[in-house]
PDB file of N, CA and C in Angstrom:
ATOM      1  N   UNK A   1     142.106 144.859  70.831  1.00  0.00           N
ATOM      2  CA  UNK A   1     142.138 144.352  72.199  1.00  0.00           C
ATOM      3  C   UNK A   1     140.730 143.980  72.684  1.00  0.00           C
ATOM      4  N   UNK A   2     139.757 144.863  72.397  1.00  0.00           N
ATOM      5  CA  UNK A   2     138.375 144.604  72.803  1.00  0.00           C
ATOM      6  C   UNK A   2     137.857 143.359  72.098  1.00  0.00           C
ATOM      7  N   UNK A   3     138.241 143.170  70.833  1.00  0.00           N
ATOM      8  CA  UNK A   3     137.778 142.011  70.085  1.00  0.00           C
ATOM      9  C   UNK A   3     138.265 140.716  70.719  1.00  0.00           C
ATOM     10  N   UNK A   4     139.491 140.722  71.213  1.00  0.00           N
ATOM     11  CA  UNK A   4     140.060 139.530  71.860  1.00  0.00           C
ATOM     12  C   UNK A   4     139.312 139.238  73.154  1.00  0.00           C
ATOM     13  N   UNK A   5     139.077 140.263  73.967  1.00  0.00           N
ATOM     14  CA  UNK A   5     138.335 140.085  75.222  1.00  0.00           C
ATOM     15  C   UNK A   5     136.912 139.613  74.951  1.00  0.00           C
ATOM     16  N   UNK A   6     136.292 140.149  73.919  1.00  0.00           N
ATOM     17  CA  UNK A   6     134.941 139.728  73.558  1.00  0.00           C
ATOM     18  C   UNK A   6     134.938 138.261  73.126  1.00  0.00           C
ATOM     19  N   UNK A   7     135.917 137.878  72.336  1.00  0.00           N
ATOM     20  CA  UNK A   7     136.030 136.485  71.890  1.00  0.00           C
ATOM     21  C   UNK A   7     136.247 135.534  73.056  1.00  0.00           C
ATOM     22  N   UNK A   8     137.129 135.893  73.973  1.00  0.00           N
ATOM     23  CA  UNK A   8     137.389 135.062  75.157  1.00  0.00           C
ATOM     24  C   UNK A   8     136.136 134.994  76.023  1.00  0.00           C
ATOM     25  N   UNK A   9     135.456 136.103  76.176  1.00  0.00           N
ATOM     26  CA  UNK A   9     134.224 136.146  76.976  1.00  0.00           C
ATOM     27  C   UNK A   9     133.153 135.242  76.363  1.00  0.00           C
ATOM     28  N   UNK A  10     133.012 135.267  75.051  1.00  0.00           N
ATOM     29  CA  UNK A  10     132.040 134.411  74.377  1.00  0.00           C
ATOM     30  C   UNK A  10     132.400 132.945  74.560  1.00  0.00           C
ATOM     31  N   UNK A  11     133.681 132.606  74.430  1.00  0.00           N
ATOM     32  CA  UNK A  11     134.118 131.219  74.632  1.00  0.00           C
ATOM     33  C   UNK A  11     133.846 130.745  76.058  1.00  0.00           C
ATOM     34  N   UNK A  12     134.169 131.575  77.025  1.00  0.00           N
ATOM     35  CA  UNK A  12     133.945 131.207  78.425  1.00  0.00           C
ATOM     36  C   UNK A  12     132.448 131.068  78.696  1.00  0.00           C
ATOM     37  N   UNK A  13     131.654 131.999  78.182  1.00  0.00           N
ATOM     38  CA  UNK A  13     130.197 131.915  78.367  1.00  0.00           C
ATOM     39  C   UNK A  13     129.639 130.653  77.725  1.00  0.00           C
ATOM     40  N   UNK A  14     130.087 130.328  76.541  1.00  0.00           N
ATOM     41  CA  UNK A  14     129.645 129.107  75.866  1.00  0.00           C
ATOM     42  C   UNK A  14     129.999 127.865  76.665  1.00  0.00           C
ATOM     43  N   UNK A  15     131.218 127.828  77.194  1.00  0.00           N
ATOM     44  CA  UNK A  15     131.630 126.691  78.014  1.00  0.00           C
ATOM     45  C   UNK A  15     130.773 126.585  79.269  1.00  0.00           C
ATOM     46  N   UNK A  16     130.532 127.702  79.918  1.00  0.00           N
ATOM     47  CA  UNK A  16     129.728 127.685  81.142  1.00  0.00           C
ATOM     48  C   UNK A  16     128.289 127.248  80.867  1.00  0.00           C
ATOM     49  N   UNK A  17     127.715 127.687  79.766  1.00  0.00           N
ATOM     50  CA  UNK A  17     126.359 127.261  79.414  1.00  0.00           C
ATOM     51  C   UNK A  17     126.344 125.755  79.173  1.00  0.00           C
ATOM     52  N   UNK A  18     127.317 125.239  78.419  1.00  0.00           N
ATOM     53  CA  UNK A  18     127.408 123.798  78.167  1.00  0.00           C
ATOM     54  C   UNK A  18     127.544 123.027  79.486  1.00  0.00           C
ATOM     55  N   UNK A  19     128.374 123.515  80.379  1.00  0.00           N
ATOM     56  CA  UNK A  19     128.626 122.839  81.654  1.00  0.00           C
ATOM     57  C   UNK A  19     127.368 122.835  82.532  1.00  0.00           C
ATOM     58  N   UNK A  20     126.661 123.953  82.575  1.00  0.00           N
ATOM     59  CA  UNK A  20     125.434 124.041  83.380  1.00  0.00           C
ATOM     60  C   UNK A  20     124.371 123.089  82.825  1.00  0.00           C
ATOM     61  N   UNK A  21     124.217 123.027  81.513  1.00  0.00           N
ATOM     62  CA  UNK A  21     123.259 122.107  80.904  1.00  0.00           C
ATOM     63  C   UNK A  21     123.627 120.666  81.249  1.00  0.00           C
ATOM     64  N   UNK A  22     124.908 120.351  81.189  1.00  0.00           N
ATOM     65  CA  UNK A  22     125.378 118.998  81.533  1.00  0.00           C
ATOM     66  C   UNK A  22     125.066 118.684  83.002  1.00  0.00           C
ATOM     67  N   UNK A  23     125.285 119.624  83.898  1.00  0.00           N
ATOM     68  CA  UNK A  23     124.993 119.426  85.317  1.00  0.00           C
ATOM     69  C   UNK A  23     123.500 119.251  85.568  1.00  0.00           C
ATOM     70  N   UNK A  24     122.688 120.020  84.879  1.00  0.00           N
ATOM     71  CA  UNK A  24     121.237 119.909  85.052  1.00  0.00           C
ATOM     72  C   UNK A  24     120.753 118.537  84.597  1.00  0.00           C
ATOM     73  N   UNK A  25     121.265 118.052  83.462  1.00  0.00           N
ATOM     74  CA  UNK A  25     120.887 116.718  82.981  1.00  0.00           C
ATOM     75  C   UNK A  25     121.291 115.644  83.992  1.00  0.00           C
ATOM     76  N   UNK A  26     122.477 115.789  84.553  1.00  0.00           N
ATOM     77  CA  UNK A  26     122.954 114.823  85.546  1.00  0.00           C
ATOM     78  C   UNK A  26     122.081 114.882  86.805  1.00  0.00           C
ATOM     79  N   UNK A  27     121.735 116.073  87.234  1.00  0.00           N
ATOM     80  CA  UNK A  27     120.899 116.237  88.413  1.00  0.00           C
ATOM     81  C   UNK A  27     119.522 115.631  88.191  1.00  0.00           C
ATOM     82  N   UNK A  28     118.950 115.825  87.005  1.00  0.00           N
ATOM     83  CA  UNK A  28     117.648 115.239  86.703  1.00  0.00           C
ATOM     84  C   UNK A  28     117.715 113.715  86.688  1.00  0.00           C
ATOM     85  N   UNK A  29     118.812 113.168  86.187  1.00  0.00           N
ATOM     86  CA  UNK A  29     118.995 111.715  86.198  1.00  0.00           C
ATOM     87  C   UNK A  29     119.079 111.195  87.629  1.00  0.00           C
ATOM     88  N   UNK A  30     119.817 111.883  88.475  1.00  0.00           N
ATOM     89  CA  UNK A  30     119.925 111.489  89.882  1.00  0.00           C
ATOM     90  C   UNK A  30     118.556 111.579  90.550  1.00  0.00           C
ATOM     91  N   UNK A  31     117.808 112.612  90.232  1.00  0.00           N
ATOM     92  CA  UNK A  31     116.471 112.782  90.797  1.00  0.00           C
ATOM     93  C   UNK A  31     115.565 111.616  90.406  1.00  0.00           C
ATOM     94  N   UNK A  32     115.637 111.174  89.162  1.00  0.00           N
ATOM     95  CA  UNK A  32     114.831 110.032  88.719  1.00  0.00           C
ATOM     96  C   UNK A  32     115.243 108.749  89.427  1.00  0.00           C
ATOM     97  N   UNK A  33     116.536 108.558  89.616  1.00  0.00           N
ATOM     98  CA  UNK A  33     117.026 107.376  90.316  1.00  0.00           C
ATOM     99  C   UNK A  33     116.588 107.383  91.783  1.00  0.00           C
ATOM    100  N   UNK A  34     116.615 108.547  92.404  1.00  0.00           N
ATOM    101  CA  UNK A  34     116.147 108.665  93.783  1.00  0.00           C
ATOM    102  C   UNK A  34     114.667 108.343  93.884  1.00  0.00           C
ATOM    103  N   UNK A  35     113.902 108.789  92.911  1.00  0.00           N
ATOM    104  CA  UNK A  35     112.464 108.493  92.899  1.00  0.00           C
ATOM    105  C   UNK A  35     112.240 106.981  92.869  1.00  0.00           C
ATOM    106  N   UNK A  36     113.012 106.284  92.042  1.00  0.00           N
ATOM    107  CA  UNK A  36     112.884 104.827  91.969  1.00  0.00           C
ATOM    108  C   UNK A  36     113.247 104.185  93.308  1.00  0.00           C
ATOM    109  N   UNK A  37     114.257 104.707  93.973  1.00  0.00           N
ATOM    110  CA  UNK A  37     114.655 104.178  95.280  1.00  0.00           C
ATOM    111  C   UNK A  37     113.555 104.395  96.311  1.00  0.00           C
ATOM    112  N   UNK A  38     112.938 105.571  96.307  1.00  0.00           N
ATOM    113  CA  UNK A  38     111.875 105.859  97.265  1.00  0.00           C
ATOM    114  C   UNK A  38     110.665 104.963  97.039  1.00  0.00           C
ATOM    115  N   UNK A  39     110.336 104.722  95.791  1.00  0.00           N
ATOM    116  CA  UNK A  39     109.221 103.830  95.482  1.00  0.00           C
ATOM    117  C   UNK A  39     109.534 102.428  95.979  1.00  0.00           C
ATOM    118  N   UNK A  40     110.758 101.990  95.768  1.00  0.00           N
ATOM    119  CA  UNK A  40     111.177 100.661  96.226  1.00  0.00           C
ATOM    120  C   UNK A  40     111.090 100.547  97.746  1.00  0.00           C
ATOM    121  N   UNK A  41     111.515 101.573  98.456  1.00  0.00           N
ATOM    122  CA  UNK A  41     111.418 101.561  99.920  1.00  0.00           C
ATOM    123  C   UNK A  41     109.971 101.515 100.388  1.00  0.00           C
ATOM    124  N   UNK A  42     109.108 102.265  99.740  1.00  0.00           N
ATOM    125  CA  UNK A  42     107.696 102.252 100.114  1.00  0.00           C
ATOM    126  C   UNK A  42     107.074 100.882  99.866  1.00  0.00           C
ATOM    127  N   UNK A  43     107.409 100.268  98.732  1.00  0.00           N
ATOM    128  CA  UNK A  43     106.883  98.941  98.422  1.00  0.00           C
ATOM    129  C   UNK A  43     107.384  97.908  99.433  1.00  0.00           C
ATOM    130  N   UNK A  44     108.641  98.021  99.828  1.00  0.00           N
ATOM    131  CA  UNK A  44     109.204  97.092 100.813  1.00  0.00           C
ATOM    132  C   UNK A  44     108.478  97.231 102.154  1.00  0.00           C
ATOM    133  N   UNK A  45     108.252  98.467 102.581  1.00  0.00           N
ATOM    134  CA  UNK A  45     107.552  98.701 103.844  1.00  0.00           C
ATOM    135  C   UNK A  45     106.140  98.124 103.795  1.00  0.00           C
ATOM    136  N   UNK A  46     105.463  98.333 102.685  1.00  0.00           N
ATOM    137  CA  UNK A  46     104.112  97.783 102.532  1.00  0.00           C
ATOM    138  C   UNK A  46     104.141  96.251 102.557  1.00  0.00           C
ATOM    139  N   UNK A  47     105.147  95.660 101.936  1.00  0.00           N
ATOM    140  CA  UNK A  47     105.257  94.201 101.906  1.00  0.00           C
ATOM    141  C   UNK A  47     105.477  93.636 103.311  1.00  0.00           C
ATOM    142  N   UNK A  48     106.368  94.238 104.064  1.00  0.00           N
ATOM    143  CA  UNK A  48     106.620  93.782 105.436  1.00  0.00           C
ATOM    144  C   UNK A  48     105.359  93.932 106.275  1.00  0.00           C
ATOM    145  N   UNK A  49     104.640  95.026 106.078  1.00  0.00           N
ATOM    146  CA  UNK A  49     103.403  95.249 106.814  1.00  0.00           C
ATOM    147  C   UNK A  49     102.367  94.179 106.480  1.00  0.00           C
ATOM    148  N   UNK A  50     102.242  93.820 105.209  1.00  0.00           N
ATOM    149  CA  UNK A  50     101.291  92.773 104.809  1.00  0.00           C
ATOM    150  C   UNK A  50     101.660  91.428 105.425  1.00  0.00           C
ATOM    151  N   UNK A  51     102.952  91.100 105.409  1.00  0.00           N
ATOM    152  CA  UNK A  51     103.394  89.828 105.994  1.00  0.00           C
ATOM    153  C   UNK A  51     103.139  89.829 107.496  1.00  0.00           C
ATOM    154  N   UNK A  52     103.439  90.929 108.158  1.00  0.00           N
ATOM    155  CA  UNK A  52     103.237  91.020 109.604  1.00  0.00           C
ATOM    156  C   UNK A  52     101.766  90.853 109.970  1.00  0.00           C
ATOM    157  N   UNK A  53     100.884  91.383 109.156  1.00  0.00           N
ATOM    158  CA  UNK A  53      99.452  91.318 109.447  1.00  0.00           C
ATOM    159  C   UNK A  53      98.807  89.986 109.069  1.00  0.00           C
ATOM    160  N   UNK A  54      99.549  89.090 108.454  1.00  0.00           N
ATOM    161  CA  UNK A  54      99.006  87.761 108.194  1.00  0.00           C
ATOM    162  C   UNK A  54      98.765  87.053 109.522  1.00  0.00           C
ATOM    163  N   UNK A  55      97.700  86.285 109.588  1.00  0.00           N
ATOM    164  CA  UNK A  55      97.343  85.595 110.827  1.00  0.00           C
ATOM    165  C   UNK A  55      98.493  84.712 111.326  1.00  0.00           C
ATOM    166  N   UNK A  56      99.197  84.126 110.418  1.00  0.00           N
ATOM    167  CA  UNK A  56     100.287  83.205 110.752  1.00  0.00           C
ATOM    168  C   UNK A  56     101.441  83.913 111.482  1.00  0.00           C
ATOM    169  N   UNK A  57     101.705  85.172 111.105  1.00  0.00           N
ATOM    170  CA  UNK A  57     102.853  85.885 111.659  1.00  0.00           C
ATOM    171  C   UNK A  57     102.474  87.002 112.621  1.00  0.00           C
ATOM    172  N   UNK A  58     101.188  87.276 112.797  1.00  0.00           N
ATOM    173  CA  UNK A  58     100.763  88.394 113.625  1.00  0.00           C
ATOM    174  C   UNK A  58     101.303  88.232 115.043  1.00  0.00           C
ATOM    175  N   UNK A  59     101.955  89.273 115.527  1.00  0.00           N
ATOM    176  CA  UNK A  59     102.496  89.253 116.875  1.00  0.00           C
ATOM    177  C   UNK A  59     103.951  88.816 116.955  1.00  0.00           C
ATOM    178  N   UNK A  60     104.525  88.388 115.839  1.00  0.00           N
ATOM    179  CA  UNK A  60     105.941  87.989 115.820  1.00  0.00           C
ATOM    180  C   UNK A  60     106.798  89.231 116.074  1.00  0.00           C
ATOM    181  N   UNK A  61     107.596  89.195 117.145  1.00  0.00           N
ATOM    182  CA  UNK A  61     108.365  90.382 117.526  1.00  0.00           C
ATOM    183  C   UNK A  61     109.444  90.719 116.505  1.00  0.00           C
ATOM    184  N   UNK A  62     110.014  89.711 115.864  1.00  0.00           N
ATOM    185  CA  UNK A  62     111.048  89.979 114.861  1.00  0.00           C
ATOM    186  C   UNK A  62     110.451  90.751 113.685  1.00  0.00           C
ATOM    187  N   UNK A  63     109.291  90.294 113.216  1.00  0.00           N
ATOM    188  CA  UNK A  63     108.636  91.003 112.119  1.00  0.00           C
ATOM    189  C   UNK A  63     108.138  92.379 112.561  1.00  0.00           C
ATOM    190  N   UNK A  64     107.695  92.472 113.803  1.00  0.00           N
ATOM    191  CA  UNK A  64     107.245  93.760 114.318  1.00  0.00           C
ATOM    192  C   UNK A  64     108.400  94.765 114.329  1.00  0.00           C
ATOM    193  N   UNK A  65     109.566  94.326 114.801  1.00  0.00           N
ATOM    194  CA  UNK A  65     110.739  95.205 114.820  1.00  0.00           C
ATOM    195  C   UNK A  65     111.199  95.547 113.399  1.00  0.00           C
ATOM    196  N   UNK A  66     111.115  94.574 112.496  1.00  0.00           N
ATOM    197  CA  UNK A  66     111.469  94.822 111.102  1.00  0.00           C
ATOM    198  C   UNK A  66     110.520  95.847 110.488  1.00  0.00           C
ATOM    199  N   UNK A  67     109.242  95.744 110.814  1.00  0.00           N
ATOM    200  CA  UNK A  67     108.260  96.689 110.311  1.00  0.00           C
ATOM    201  C   UNK A  67     108.537  98.094 110.858  1.00  0.00           C
ATOM    202  N   UNK A  68     108.826  98.205 112.135  1.00  0.00           N
ATOM    203  CA  UNK A  68     109.136  99.505 112.729  1.00  0.00           C
ATOM    204  C   UNK A  68     110.377 100.114 112.089  1.00  0.00           C
ATOM    205  N   UNK A  69     111.398  99.269 111.891  1.00  0.00           N
ATOM    206  CA  UNK A  69     112.636  99.748 111.280  1.00  0.00           C
ATOM    207  C   UNK A  69     112.380 100.186 109.838  1.00  0.00           C
ATOM    208  N   UNK A  70     111.560  99.460 109.118  1.00  0.00           N
ATOM    209  CA  UNK A  70     111.218  99.819 107.736  1.00  0.00           C
ATOM    210  C   UNK A  70     110.522 101.170 107.690  1.00  0.00           C
ATOM    211  N   UNK A  71     109.630 101.400 108.641  1.00  0.00           N
ATOM    212  CA  UNK A  71     108.922 102.675 108.674  1.00  0.00           C
ATOM    213  C   UNK A  71     109.863 103.831 108.988  1.00  0.00           C
ATOM    214  N   UNK A  72     110.832 103.603 109.876  1.00  0.00           N
ATOM    215  CA  UNK A  72     111.815 104.637 110.198  1.00  0.00           C
ATOM    216  C   UNK A  72     112.664 104.952 108.965  1.00  0.00           C
ATOM    217  N   UNK A  73     113.093 103.907 108.267  1.00  0.00           N
ATOM    218  CA  UNK A  73     113.895 104.110 107.053  1.00  0.00           C
ATOM    219  C   UNK A  73     113.074 104.851 106.000  1.00  0.00           C
ATOM    220  N   UNK A  74     111.812 104.485 105.838  1.00  0.00           N
ATOM    221  CA  UNK A  74     110.949 105.152 104.860  1.00  0.00           C
ATOM    222  C   UNK A  74     110.733 106.622 105.226  1.00  0.00           C
ATOM    223  N   UNK A  75     110.554 106.923 106.499  1.00  0.00           N
ATOM    224  CA  UNK A  75     110.384 108.316 106.928  1.00  0.00           C
ATOM    225  C   UNK A  75     111.670 109.114 106.711  1.00  0.00           C
ATOM    226  N   UNK A  76     112.810 108.511 107.006  1.00  0.00           N
ATOM    227  CA  UNK A  76     114.086 109.187 106.767  1.00  0.00           C
ATOM    228  C   UNK A  76     114.261 109.458 105.282  1.00  0.00           C
ATOM    229  N   UNK A  77     113.892 108.492 104.456  1.00  0.00           N
ATOM    230  CA  UNK A  77     113.975 108.672 103.001  1.00  0.00           C
ATOM    231  C   UNK A  77     113.031 109.775 102.543  1.00  0.00           C
ATOM    232  N   UNK A  78     111.856 109.853 103.156  1.00  0.00           N
ATOM    233  CA  UNK A  78     110.893 110.900 102.787  1.00  0.00           C
ATOM    234  C   UNK A  78     111.449 112.276 103.137  1.00  0.00           C
ATOM    235  N   UNK A  79     112.098 112.395 104.296  1.00  0.00           N
ATOM    236  CA  UNK A  79     112.721 113.660 104.672  1.00  0.00           C
ATOM    237  C   UNK A  79     113.836 114.022 103.693  1.00  0.00           C
ATOM    238  N   UNK A  80     114.645 113.037 103.347  1.00  0.00           N
ATOM    239  CA  UNK A  80     115.728 113.231 102.385  1.00  0.00           C
ATOM    240  C   UNK A  80     115.145 113.648 101.038  1.00  0.00           C
ATOM    241  N   UNK A  81     114.059 113.003 100.664  1.00  0.00           N
ATOM    242  CA  UNK A  81     113.420 113.270  99.382  1.00  0.00           C
ATOM    243  C   UNK A  81     112.917 114.706  99.310  1.00  0.00           C
ATOM    244  N   UNK A  82     112.342 115.191 100.385  1.00  0.00           N
ATOM    245  CA  UNK A  82     111.804 116.546 100.373  1.00  0.00           C
ATOM    246  C   UNK A  82     112.894 117.593 100.190  1.00  0.00           C
ATOM    247  N   UNK A  83     114.123 117.253 100.544  1.00  0.00           N
ATOM    248  CA  UNK A  83     115.225 118.191 100.410  1.00  0.00           C
ATOM    249  C   UNK A  83     115.879 118.098  99.036  1.00  0.00           C
ATOM    250  N   UNK A  84     116.086 116.884  98.535  1.00  0.00           N
ATOM    251  CA  UNK A  84     116.918 116.691  97.352  1.00  0.00           C
ATOM    252  C   UNK A  84     116.181 116.372  96.062  1.00  0.00           C
ATOM    253  N   UNK A  85     114.934 115.994  96.112  1.00  0.00           N
ATOM    254  CA  UNK A  85     114.229 115.616  94.896  1.00  0.00           C
ATOM    255  C   UNK A  85     113.446 116.807  94.358  1.00  0.00           C
ATOM    256  N   UNK A  86     113.824 117.293  93.178  1.00  0.00           N
ATOM    257  CA  UNK A  86     113.178 118.487  92.634  1.00  0.00           C
ATOM    258  C   UNK A  86     111.762 118.207  92.156  1.00  0.00           C
ATOM    259  N   UNK A  87     111.423 116.953  91.929  1.00  0.00           N
ATOM    260  CA  UNK A  87     110.086 116.604  91.472  1.00  0.00           C
ATOM    261  C   UNK A  87     109.117 116.362  92.620  1.00  0.00           C
ATOM    262  N   UNK A  88     109.619 116.374  93.840  1.00  0.00           N
ATOM    263  CA  UNK A  88     108.790 116.078  94.999  1.00  0.00           C
ATOM    264  C   UNK A  88     107.998 117.309  95.386  1.00  0.00           C
ATOM    265  N   UNK A  89     106.701 117.184  95.497  1.00  0.00           N
ATOM    266  CA  UNK A  89     105.837 118.291  95.860  1.00  0.00           C
ATOM    267  C   UNK A  89     105.787 118.408  97.379  1.00  0.00           C
ATOM    268  N   UNK A  90     106.109 119.558  97.907  1.00  0.00           N
ATOM    269  CA  UNK A  90     106.141 119.741  99.349  1.00  0.00           C
ATOM    270  C   UNK A  90     104.790 119.494  99.998  1.00  0.00           C
ATOM    271  N   UNK A  91     103.722 119.691  99.270  1.00  0.00           N
ATOM    272  CA  UNK A  91     102.395 119.473  99.838  1.00  0.00           C
ATOM    273  C   UNK A  91     102.143 118.007 100.144  1.00  0.00           C
ATOM    274  N   UNK A  92     102.919 117.096  99.536  1.00  0.00           N
ATOM    275  CA  UNK A  92     102.748 115.669  99.778  1.00  0.00           C
ATOM    276  C   UNK A  92     103.386 115.236 101.094  1.00  0.00           C
ATOM    277  N   UNK A  93     104.344 116.015 101.585  1.00  0.00           N
ATOM    278  CA  UNK A  93     105.026 115.606 102.805  1.00  0.00           C
ATOM    279  C   UNK A  93     104.076 115.718 103.993  1.00  0.00           C
ATOM    280  N   UNK A  94     104.250 114.863 104.964  1.00  0.00           N
ATOM    281  CA  UNK A  94     103.367 114.819 106.129  1.00  0.00           C
ATOM    282  C   UNK A  94     103.435 116.093 106.929  1.00  0.00           C
ATOM    283  N   UNK A  95     102.264 116.533 107.363  1.00  0.00           N
ATOM    284  CA  UNK A  95     102.210 117.678 108.253  1.00  0.00           C
ATOM    285  C   UNK A  95     102.340 119.018 107.577  1.00  0.00           C
ATOM    286  N   UNK A  96     102.504 119.042 106.278  1.00  0.00           N
ATOM    287  CA  UNK A  96     102.663 120.323 105.590  1.00  0.00           C
ATOM    288  C   UNK A  96     101.349 120.720 104.953  1.00  0.00           C
ATOM    289  N   UNK A  97     100.882 121.873 105.314  1.00  0.00           N
ATOM    290  CA  UNK A  97      99.692 122.432 104.691  1.00  0.00           C
ATOM    291  C   UNK A  97      99.917 123.921 104.539  1.00  0.00           C
ATOM    292  N   UNK A  98      99.263 124.528 103.585  1.00  0.00           N
ATOM    293  CA  UNK A  98      99.365 125.968 103.414  1.00  0.00           C
ATOM    294  C   UNK A  98      98.881 126.656 104.679  1.00  0.00           C
ATOM    295  N   UNK A  99      99.654 127.628 105.140  1.00  0.00           N
ATOM    296  CA  UNK A  99      99.271 128.374 106.331  1.00  0.00           C
ATOM    297  C   UNK A  99      99.907 127.850 107.593  1.00  0.00           C
ATOM    298  N   UNK A 100     100.572 126.719 107.542  1.00  0.00           N
ATOM    299  CA  UNK A 100     101.221 126.212 108.752  1.00  0.00           C
ATOM    300  C   UNK A 100     102.605 126.739 108.876  1.00  0.00           C
TER     301      UNK A 100
END
């Protein structure tokens, strides 16, 4: 009887280890994809800012509003990133310093 329980326990443990490894790999893949999205958002915000600061477009309210909206989206993404991205260093987030 003990041998059967031990065998079932080993099978269940093996399955759980396999499943956890599979989940970790999936989570790491999602983390990498999120990193690419955050980089893309930052590049977009920088691009809009460069266009807005061109002499030709400086002061255009549509571009100004687009720039503000881009910054809000980038900040929201940064907040999201600090919660869900395991590779994100908390010290990089704004306003965070040791001792605060």
